Amino acid sequence: SCHRTQEVNFKSNKYYDKFLDLHAKLKS
């Protein structure tokens, strides 16, 4: 339930840099 609702610190976290498609979807 937490994994489905909690927002991750995605934009400023180098761990998530590899998720290029999600970065593009956020930006658009």
PDB file of all heavy atoms in Angstrom:
ATOM      1  N   SER A   1       0.832  -1.199   0.000  1.00  0.00           N
ATOM      2  CA  SER A   1       0.000   0.000   0.000  1.00  0.00           C
ATOM      3  C   SER A   1       0.870   1.255   0.000  1.00  0.00           C
ATOM      4  O   SER A   1       0.606   2.211  -0.740  1.00  0.00           O
ATOM      5  CB  SER A   1      -0.921  -0.010   1.220  1.00  0.00           C
ATOM      6  OG  SER A   1      -1.681   1.170   1.263  1.00  0.00           O
ATOM      7  N   CYS A   2       1.918   1.258   0.797  1.00  0.00           N
ATOM      8  CA  CYS A   2       2.846   2.383   0.836  1.00  0.00           C
ATOM      9  C   CYS A   2       3.534   2.553  -0.518  1.00  0.00           C
ATOM     10  O   CYS A   2       3.645   3.663  -1.040  1.00  0.00           O
ATOM     11  CB  CYS A   2       3.879   2.182   1.935  1.00  0.00           C
ATOM     12  SG  CYS A   2       5.041   3.559   2.097  1.00  0.00           S
ATOM     13  N   HIS A   3       3.974   1.465  -1.096  1.00  0.00           N
ATOM     14  CA  HIS A   3       4.657   1.505  -2.391  1.00  0.00           C
ATOM     15  C   HIS A   3       3.758   2.049  -3.503  1.00  0.00           C
ATOM     16  O   HIS A   3       4.245   2.598  -4.483  1.00  0.00           O
ATOM     17  CB  HIS A   3       5.153   0.115  -2.787  1.00  0.00           C
ATOM     18  CG  HIS A   3       6.298  -0.360  -1.968  1.00  0.00           C
ATOM     19  ND1 HIS A   3       6.711  -1.678  -2.016  1.00  0.00           N
ATOM     20  CD2 HIS A   3       7.111   0.270  -1.084  1.00  0.00           C
ATOM     21  CE1 HIS A   3       7.738  -1.822  -1.190  1.00  0.00           C
ATOM     22  NE2 HIS A   3       7.998  -0.655  -0.618  1.00  0.00           N
ATOM     23  N   ARG A   4       2.468   1.879  -3.351  1.00  0.00           N
ATOM     24  CA  ARG A   4       1.533   2.359  -4.374  1.00  0.00           C
ATOM     25  C   ARG A   4       1.163   3.833  -4.203  1.00  0.00           C
ATOM     26  O   ARG A   4       0.686   4.453  -5.146  1.00  0.00           O
ATOM     27  CB  ARG A   4       0.254   1.524  -4.345  1.00  0.00           C
ATOM     28  CG  ARG A   4       0.472   0.131  -4.873  1.00  0.00           C
ATOM     29  CD  ARG A   4      -0.800  -0.681  -4.853  1.00  0.00           C
ATOM     30  NE  ARG A   4      -0.547  -1.984  -5.456  1.00  0.00           N
ATOM     31  CZ  ARG A   4      -1.257  -3.064  -5.205  1.00  0.00           C
ATOM     32  NH1 ARG A   4      -2.285  -3.004  -4.388  1.00  0.00           N
ATOM     33  NH2 ARG A   4      -0.953  -4.205  -5.787  1.00  0.00           N
ATOM     34  N   THR A   5       1.351   4.377  -3.011  1.00  0.00           N
ATOM     35  CA  THR A   5       0.883   5.737  -2.745  1.00  0.00           C
ATOM     36  C   THR A   5       1.991   6.733  -2.425  1.00  0.00           C
ATOM     37  O   THR A   5       1.848   7.914  -2.714  1.00  0.00           O
ATOM     38  CB  THR A   5      -0.116   5.747  -1.578  1.00  0.00           C
ATOM     39  OG1 THR A   5       0.508   5.204  -0.412  1.00  0.00           O
ATOM     40  CG2 THR A   5      -1.358   4.934  -1.912  1.00  0.00           C
ATOM     41  N   GLN A   6       3.061   6.278  -1.822  1.00  0.00           N
ATOM     42  CA  GLN A   6       4.139   7.164  -1.390  1.00  0.00           C
ATOM     43  C   GLN A   6       4.890   7.737  -2.590  1.00  0.00           C
ATOM     44  O   GLN A   6       5.247   7.008  -3.507  1.00  0.00           O
ATOM     45  CB  GLN A   6       5.112   6.394  -0.486  1.00  0.00           C
ATOM     46  CG  GLN A   6       6.227   7.212   0.098  1.00  0.00           C
ATOM     47  CD  GLN A   6       5.746   8.199   1.134  1.00  0.00           C
ATOM     48  OE1 GLN A   6       4.806   7.939   1.851  1.00  0.00           O
ATOM     49  NE2 GLN A   6       6.406   9.331   1.210  1.00  0.00           N
ATOM     50  N   GLU A   7       5.147   9.001  -2.584  1.00  0.00           N
ATOM     51  CA  GLU A   7       5.934   9.611  -3.644  1.00  0.00           C
ATOM     52  C   GLU A   7       7.412   9.502  -3.292  1.00  0.00           C
ATOM     53  O   GLU A   7       7.808   9.791  -2.174  1.00  0.00           O
ATOM     54  CB  GLU A   7       5.554  11.083  -3.807  1.00  0.00           C
ATOM     55  CG  GLU A   7       6.272  11.759  -4.940  1.00  0.00           C
ATOM     56  CD  GLU A   7       5.749  13.167  -5.212  1.00  0.00           C
ATOM     57  OE1 GLU A   7       4.798  13.593  -4.529  1.00  0.00           O
ATOM     58  OE2 GLU A   7       6.296  13.823  -6.105  1.00  0.00           O
ATOM     59  N   VAL A   8       8.219   9.053  -4.248  1.00  0.00           N
ATOM     60  CA  VAL A   8       9.656   8.961  -3.996  1.00  0.00           C
ATOM     61  C   VAL A   8      10.339  10.264  -4.388  1.00  0.00           C
ATOM     62  O   VAL A   8       9.859  10.997  -5.256  1.00  0.00           O
ATOM     63  CB  VAL A   8      10.321   7.779  -4.747  1.00  0.00           C
ATOM     64  CG1 VAL A   8       9.777   6.454  -4.267  1.00  0.00           C
ATOM     65  CG2 VAL A   8      10.167   7.893  -6.237  1.00  0.00           C
ATOM     66  N   ASN A   9      11.441  10.556  -3.733  1.00  0.00           N
ATOM     67  CA  ASN A   9      12.258  11.724  -4.057  1.00  0.00           C
ATOM     68  C   ASN A   9      13.009  11.380  -5.336  1.00  0.00           C
ATOM     69  O   ASN A   9      14.150  10.955  -5.307  1.00  0.00           O
ATOM     70  CB  ASN A   9      13.210  12.029  -2.904  1.00  0.00           C
ATOM     71  CG  ASN A   9      14.069  13.233  -3.161  1.00  0.00           C
ATOM     72  OD1 ASN A   9      13.938  13.901  -4.181  1.00  0.00           O
ATOM     73  ND2 ASN A   9      14.965  13.511  -2.247  1.00  0.00           N
ATOM     74  N   PHE A  10      12.349  11.551  -6.451  1.00  0.00           N
ATOM     75  CA  PHE A  10      12.817  11.042  -7.732  1.00  0.00           C
ATOM     76  C   PHE A  10      13.730  12.008  -8.475  1.00  0.00           C
ATOM     77  O   PHE A  10      14.716  11.616  -9.068  1.00  0.00           O
ATOM     78  CB  PHE A  10      11.587  10.725  -8.596  1.00  0.00           C
ATOM     79  CG  PHE A  10      11.881   9.947  -9.836  1.00  0.00           C
ATOM     80  CD1 PHE A  10      12.179   8.595  -9.773  1.00  0.00           C
ATOM     81  CD2 PHE A  10      11.844  10.548 -11.078  1.00  0.00           C
ATOM     82  CE1 PHE A  10      12.436   7.864 -10.915  1.00  0.00           C
ATOM     83  CE2 PHE A  10      12.102   9.828 -12.226  1.00  0.00           C
ATOM     84  CZ  PHE A  10      12.396   8.482 -12.141  1.00  0.00           C
ATOM     85  N   LYS A  11      13.409  13.269  -8.448  1.00  0.00           N
ATOM     86  CA  LYS A  11      14.117  14.246  -9.272  1.00  0.00           C
ATOM     87  C   LYS A  11      15.543  14.532  -8.809  1.00  0.00           C
ATOM     88  O   LYS A  11      16.423  14.752  -9.611  1.00  0.00           O
ATOM     89  CB  LYS A  11      13.324  15.545  -9.329  1.00  0.00           C
ATOM     90  CG  LYS A  11      12.002  15.399 -10.041  1.00  0.00           C
ATOM     91  CD  LYS A  11      11.232  16.691 -10.020  1.00  0.00           C
ATOM     92  CE  LYS A  11       9.850  16.495 -10.613  1.00  0.00           C
ATOM     93  NZ  LYS A  11       9.037  17.689 -10.502  1.00  0.00           N
ATOM     94  N   SER A  12      15.787  14.530  -7.524  1.00  0.00           N
ATOM     95  CA  SER A  12      17.116  14.898  -7.028  1.00  0.00           C
ATOM     96  C   SER A  12      17.824  13.735  -6.336  1.00  0.00           C
ATOM     97  O   SER A  12      18.528  13.920  -5.363  1.00  0.00           O
ATOM     98  CB  SER A  12      16.989  16.085  -6.070  1.00  0.00           C
ATOM     99  OG  SER A  12      16.156  15.734  -4.978  1.00  0.00           O
ATOM    100  N   ASN A  13      17.611  12.524  -6.850  1.00  0.00           N
ATOM    101  CA  ASN A  13      18.179  11.334  -6.241  1.00  0.00           C
ATOM    102  C   ASN A  13      18.887  10.525  -7.337  1.00  0.00           C
ATOM    103  O   ASN A  13      18.248   9.952  -8.202  1.00  0.00           O
ATOM    104  CB  ASN A  13      17.059  10.517  -5.588  1.00  0.00           C
ATOM    105  CG  ASN A  13      17.564   9.358  -4.788  1.00  0.00           C
ATOM    106  OD1 ASN A  13      18.611   8.799  -5.082  1.00  0.00           O
ATOM    107  ND2 ASN A  13      16.813   8.973  -3.772  1.00  0.00           N
ATOM    108  N   LYS A  14      20.202  10.474  -7.303  1.00  0.00           N
ATOM    109  CA  LYS A  14      20.986   9.820  -8.353  1.00  0.00           C
ATOM    110  C   LYS A  14      20.634   8.336  -8.530  1.00  0.00           C
ATOM    111  O   LYS A  14      20.823   7.784  -9.594  1.00  0.00           O
ATOM    112  CB  LYS A  14      22.474   9.992  -8.080  1.00  0.00           C
ATOM    113  CG  LYS A  14      22.929  11.424  -8.255  1.00  0.00           C
ATOM    114  CD  LYS A  14      24.411  11.473  -8.528  1.00  0.00           C
ATOM    115  CE  LYS A  14      24.872  12.884  -8.718  1.00  0.00           C
ATOM    116  NZ  LYS A  14      24.414  13.482  -9.965  1.00  0.00           N
ATOM    117  N   TYR A  15      20.121   7.697  -7.468  1.00  0.00           N
ATOM    118  CA  TYR A  15      19.721   6.294  -7.579  1.00  0.00           C
ATOM    119  C   TYR A  15      18.715   6.100  -8.713  1.00  0.00           C
ATOM    120  O   TYR A  15      18.708   5.080  -9.387  1.00  0.00           O
ATOM    121  CB  TYR A  15      19.130   5.796  -6.257  1.00  0.00           C
ATOM    122  CG  TYR A  15      18.624   4.379  -6.327  1.00  0.00           C
ATOM    123  CD1 TYR A  15      19.503   3.311  -6.223  1.00  0.00           C
ATOM    124  CD2 TYR A  15      17.281   4.095  -6.533  1.00  0.00           C
ATOM    125  CE1 TYR A  15      19.053   2.003  -6.311  1.00  0.00           C
ATOM    126  CE2 TYR A  15      16.813   2.802  -6.624  1.00  0.00           C
ATOM    127  CZ  TYR A  15      17.711   1.751  -6.506  1.00  0.00           C
ATOM    128  OH  TYR A  15      17.263   0.466  -6.596  1.00  0.00           O
ATOM    129  N   TYR A  16      17.866   7.092  -8.938  1.00  0.00           N
ATOM    130  CA  TYR A  16      16.794   6.976  -9.921  1.00  0.00           C
ATOM    131  C   TYR A  16      17.152   7.544 -11.291  1.00  0.00           C
ATOM    132  O   TYR A  16      16.306   7.604 -12.177  1.00  0.00           O
ATOM    133  CB  TYR A  16      15.525   7.648  -9.390  1.00  0.00           C
ATOM    134  CG  TYR A  16      15.013   7.005  -8.124  1.00  0.00           C
ATOM    135  CD1 TYR A  16      15.061   7.680  -6.909  1.00  0.00           C
ATOM    136  CD2 TYR A  16      14.487   5.717  -8.137  1.00  0.00           C
ATOM    137  CE1 TYR A  16      14.602   7.083  -5.744  1.00  0.00           C
ATOM    138  CE2 TYR A  16      14.035   5.113  -6.986  1.00  0.00           C
ATOM    139  CZ  TYR A  16      14.086   5.798  -5.788  1.00  0.00           C
ATOM    140  OH  TYR A  16      13.645   5.205  -4.646  1.00  0.00           O
ATOM    141  N   ASP A  17      18.383   7.951 -11.501  1.00  0.00           N
ATOM    142  CA  ASP A  17      18.796   8.516 -12.794  1.00  0.00           C
ATOM    143  C   ASP A  17      18.584   7.552 -13.963  1.00  0.00           C
ATOM    144  O   ASP A  17      18.367   7.975 -15.086  1.00  0.00           O
ATOM    145  CB  ASP A  17      20.270   8.954 -12.763  1.00  0.00           C
ATOM    146  CG  ASP A  17      20.469  10.262 -12.030  1.00  0.00           C
ATOM    147  OD1 ASP A  17      19.469  10.919 -11.670  1.00  0.00           O
ATOM    148  OD2 ASP A  17      21.639  10.633 -11.799  1.00  0.00           O
ATOM    149  N   LYS A  18      18.650   6.256 -13.703  1.00  0.00           N
ATOM    150  CA  LYS A  18      18.542   5.263 -14.772  1.00  0.00           C
ATOM    151  C   LYS A  18      17.122   5.129 -15.345  1.00  0.00           C
ATOM    152  O   LYS A  18      16.932   4.530 -16.390  1.00  0.00           O
ATOM    153  CB  LYS A  18      19.027   3.902 -14.274  1.00  0.00           C
ATOM    154  CG  LYS A  18      18.235   3.361 -13.090  1.00  0.00           C
ATOM    155  CD  LYS A  18      18.881   2.118 -12.518  1.00  0.00           C
ATOM    156  CE  LYS A  18      18.197   1.726 -11.223  1.00  0.00           C
ATOM    157  NZ  LYS A  18      18.916   0.698 -10.527  1.00  0.00           N
ATOM    158  N   PHE A  19      16.132   5.717 -14.689  1.00  0.00           N
ATOM    159  CA  PHE A  19      14.749   5.613 -15.150  1.00  0.00           C
ATOM    160  C   PHE A  19      14.415   6.778 -16.080  1.00  0.00           C
ATOM    161  O   PHE A  19      13.609   7.646 -15.779  1.00  0.00           O
ATOM    162  CB  PHE A  19      13.796   5.580 -13.947  1.00  0.00           C
ATOM    163  CG  PHE A  19      13.964   4.359 -13.092  1.00  0.00           C
ATOM    164  CD1 PHE A  19      14.758   4.402 -11.957  1.00  0.00           C
ATOM    165  CD2 PHE A  19      13.355   3.163 -13.429  1.00  0.00           C
ATOM    166  CE1 PHE A  19      14.927   3.274 -11.162  1.00  0.00           C
ATOM    167  CE2 PHE A  19      13.520   2.033 -12.646  1.00  0.00           C
ATOM    168  CZ  PHE A  19      14.307   2.079 -11.511  1.00  0.00           C
ATOM    169  N   LEU A  20      15.057   6.768 -17.248  1.00  0.00           N
ATOM    170  CA  LEU A  20      14.931   7.872 -18.195  1.00  0.00           C
ATOM    171  C   LEU A  20      13.487   8.083 -18.662  1.00  0.00           C
ATOM    172  O   LEU A  20      13.047   9.220 -18.839  1.00  0.00           O
ATOM    173  CB  LEU A  20      15.842   7.634 -19.399  1.00  0.00           C
ATOM    174  CG  LEU A  20      17.341   7.515 -19.087  1.00  0.00           C
ATOM    175  CD1 LEU A  20      18.122   7.192 -20.350  1.00  0.00           C
ATOM    176  CD2 LEU A  20      17.859   8.782 -18.430  1.00  0.00           C
ATOM    177  N   ASP A  21      12.751   6.991 -18.874  1.00  0.00           N
ATOM    178  CA  ASP A  21      11.367   7.118 -19.340  1.00  0.00           C
ATOM    179  C   ASP A  21      10.489   7.834 -18.314  1.00  0.00           C
ATOM    180  O   ASP A  21       9.658   8.671 -18.677  1.00  0.00           O
ATOM    181  CB  ASP A  21      10.779   5.750 -19.696  1.00  0.00           C
ATOM    182  CG  ASP A  21      10.791   4.768 -18.534  1.00  0.00           C
ATOM    183  OD1 ASP A  21      11.726   4.814 -17.702  1.00  0.00           O
ATOM    184  OD2 ASP A  21       9.858   3.934 -18.453  1.00  0.00           O
ATOM    185  N   LEU A  22      10.689   7.533 -17.033  1.00  0.00           N
ATOM    186  CA  LEU A  22       9.895   8.200 -15.998  1.00  0.00           C
ATOM    187  C   LEU A  22      10.284   9.670 -15.864  1.00  0.00           C
ATOM    188  O   LEU A  22       9.425  10.524 -15.645  1.00  0.00           O
ATOM    189  CB  LEU A  22      10.042   7.474 -14.658  1.00  0.00           C
ATOM    190  CG  LEU A  22       9.390   6.094 -14.596  1.00  0.00           C
ATOM    191  CD1 LEU A  22       9.716   5.407 -13.283  1.00  0.00           C
ATOM    192  CD2 LEU A  22       7.894   6.185 -14.791  1.00  0.00           C
ATOM    193  N   HIS A  23      11.567   9.969 -16.016  1.00  0.00           N
ATOM    194  CA  HIS A  23      12.004  11.369 -15.993  1.00  0.00           C
ATOM    195  C   HIS A  23      11.350  12.146 -17.133  1.00  0.00           C
ATOM    196  O   HIS A  23      10.890  13.279 -16.946  1.00  0.00           O
ATOM    197  CB  HIS A  23      13.528  11.474 -16.081  1.00  0.00           C
ATOM    198  CG  HIS A  23      14.225  11.187 -14.795  1.00  0.00           C
ATOM    199  ND1 HIS A  23      14.268  12.086 -13.754  1.00  0.00           N
ATOM    200  CD2 HIS A  23      14.902  10.093 -14.374  1.00  0.00           C
ATOM    201  CE1 HIS A  23      14.953  11.568 -12.750  1.00  0.00           C
ATOM    202  NE2 HIS A  23      15.345  10.353 -13.092  1.00  0.00           N
ATOM    203  N   ALA A  24      11.269  11.535 -18.312  1.00  0.00           N
ATOM    204  CA  ALA A  24      10.648  12.185 -19.466  1.00  0.00           C
ATOM    205  C   ALA A  24       9.155  12.406 -19.235  1.00  0.00           C
ATOM    206  O   ALA A  24       8.616  13.465 -19.573  1.00  0.00           O
ATOM    207  CB  ALA A  24      10.877  11.349 -20.724  1.00  0.00           C
ATOM    208  N   LYS A  25       8.480  11.416 -18.637  1.00  0.00           N
ATOM    209  CA  LYS A  25       7.048  11.548 -18.364  1.00  0.00           C
ATOM    210  C   LYS A  25       6.774  12.635 -17.333  1.00  0.00           C
ATOM    211  O   LYS A  25       5.773  13.356 -17.439  1.00  0.00           O
ATOM    212  CB  LYS A  25       6.469  10.210 -17.902  1.00  0.00           C
ATOM    213  CG  LYS A  25       6.352   9.187 -19.011  1.00  0.00           C
ATOM    214  CD  LYS A  25       5.805   7.877 -18.495  1.00  0.00           C
ATOM    215  CE  LYS A  25       5.705   6.853 -19.621  1.00  0.00           C
ATOM    216  NZ  LYS A  25       5.184   5.572 -19.135  1.00  0.00           N
ATOM    217  N   LEU A  26       7.635  12.760 -16.337  1.00  0.00           N
ATOM    218  CA  LEU A  26       7.498  13.833 -15.352  1.00  0.00           C
ATOM    219  C   LEU A  26       7.679  15.193 -16.013  1.00  0.00           C
ATOM    220  O   LEU A  26       6.907  16.121 -15.785  1.00  0.00           O
ATOM    221  CB  LEU A  26       8.532  13.686 -14.227  1.00  0.00           C
ATOM    222  CG  LEU A  26       8.205  12.777 -13.072  1.00  0.00           C
ATOM    223  CD1 LEU A  26       9.414  12.619 -12.164  1.00  0.00           C
ATOM    224  CD2 LEU A  26       7.018  13.289 -12.285  1.00  0.00           C
ATOM    225  N   LYS A  27       8.708  15.285 -16.832  1.00  0.00           N
ATOM    226  CA  LYS A  27       9.027  16.551 -17.494  1.00  0.00           C
ATOM    227  C   LYS A  27       7.900  16.989 -18.432  1.00  0.00           C
ATOM    228  O   LYS A  27       7.557  18.174 -18.492  1.00  0.00           O
ATOM    229  CB  LYS A  27      10.341  16.428 -18.265  1.00  0.00           C
ATOM    230  CG  LYS A  27      10.849  17.725 -18.819  1.00  0.00           C
ATOM    231  CD  LYS A  27      12.211  17.570 -19.442  1.00  0.00           C
ATOM    232  CE  LYS A  27      12.719  18.913 -19.944  1.00  0.00           C
ATOM    233  NZ  LYS A  27      14.065  18.801 -20.489  1.00  0.00           N
ATOM    234  N   SER A  28       7.300  16.046 -19.137  1.00  0.00           N
ATOM    235  CA  SER A  28       6.228  16.372 -20.083  1.00  0.00           C
ATOM    236  C   SER A  28       4.893  16.616 -19.383  1.00  0.00           C
ATOM    237  O   SER A  28       3.953  17.101 -19.995  1.00  0.00           O
ATOM    238  CB  SER A  28       6.059  15.244 -21.101  1.00  0.00           C
ATOM    239  OG  SER A  28       5.457  14.111 -20.492  1.00  0.00           O
TER     240      SER A  28
END
